[in-house]
């Protein structure tokens, strides 16, 4: 399990969202790409990324 400073943190991937973004050179990034990239950056480094189905199965 991922954790930081002794805490176990979780992000529920299908309970989060984002918007299209404009890059530093004016390029447009689709919201789905931003969402997946953000989750990938968090996963196993700052949090454990689960789906809501996984969370409900663990409860």
Protein backbone atom coordinates (compact mmCIF):
# COMPACT_ATOMS: atom_id res chain seq x y z
CA UNK A 1 0.00 0.00 0.00
CA UNK A 2 1.20 3.43 -0.84
CA UNK A 3 1.63 5.88 1.94
CA UNK A 4 3.35 9.07 2.92
CA UNK A 5 4.62 9.91 6.40
CA UNK A 6 2.94 6.78 7.72
CA UNK A 7 -0.48 7.51 6.26
CA UNK A 8 -2.22 5.22 3.79
CA UNK A 9 -3.97 7.43 1.25
CA UNK A 10 -6.44 6.37 -1.43
CA UNK A 11 -7.89 8.02 -4.52
CA UNK A 12 -11.07 6.61 -6.02
CA UNK A 13 -10.50 6.96 -9.74
CA UNK A 14 -14.11 6.95 -10.89
CA UNK A 15 -15.13 9.42 -8.18
CA UNK A 16 -12.79 12.11 -9.53
CA UNK A 17 -12.78 14.25 -12.67
CA UNK A 18 -10.94 17.04 -14.42
CA UNK A 19 -11.30 19.34 -17.41
CA UNK A 20 -9.47 19.90 -20.69
CA UNK A 21 -6.27 21.85 -20.12
CA UNK A 22 -4.17 24.15 -22.26
CA UNK A 23 -0.43 23.42 -22.19
CA UNK A 24 2.39 25.91 -21.93
CA UNK A 25 2.71 26.07 -25.74
CA UNK A 26 -1.02 26.45 -26.34
CA UNK A 27 -1.67 22.78 -27.03
CA UNK A 28 -4.97 21.31 -25.84
CA UNK A 29 -4.95 18.23 -23.59
CA UNK A 30 -8.14 16.19 -23.41
CA UNK A 31 -9.64 15.79 -19.94
CA UNK A 32 -9.42 11.97 -20.14
CA UNK A 33 -5.67 12.18 -20.77
CA UNK A 34 -5.25 14.64 -17.89
CA UNK A 35 -7.30 12.40 -15.59
CA UNK A 36 -5.37 9.22 -16.42
CA UNK A 37 -2.01 11.00 -16.21
CA UNK A 38 -2.87 12.53 -12.84
CA UNK A 39 -3.95 9.15 -11.47
CA UNK A 40 -0.76 7.56 -12.81
CA UNK A 41 1.34 10.25 -11.09
CA UNK A 42 -0.38 9.60 -7.76
CA UNK A 43 -0.49 5.81 -7.92
CA UNK A 44 2.00 3.98 -5.71
CA UNK A 45 3.87 7.21 -5.01
CA UNK A 46 1.45 9.38 -3.04
CA UNK A 47 -1.69 7.23 -2.94
CA UNK A 48 -3.23 3.91 -3.85
CA UNK A 49 -5.63 4.37 -6.76
CA UNK A 50 -8.74 2.20 -6.62
CA UNK A 51 -12.08 2.14 -8.40
CA UNK A 52 -15.28 2.52 -6.39
CA UNK A 53 -15.98 -1.18 -7.03
CA UNK A 54 -12.65 -2.11 -5.42
CA UNK A 55 -13.40 0.14 -2.45
CA UNK A 56 -16.84 -1.39 -1.90
CA UNK A 57 -15.41 -4.90 -2.12
CA UNK A 58 -12.82 -4.04 0.53
CA UNK A 59 -15.36 -2.65 3.02
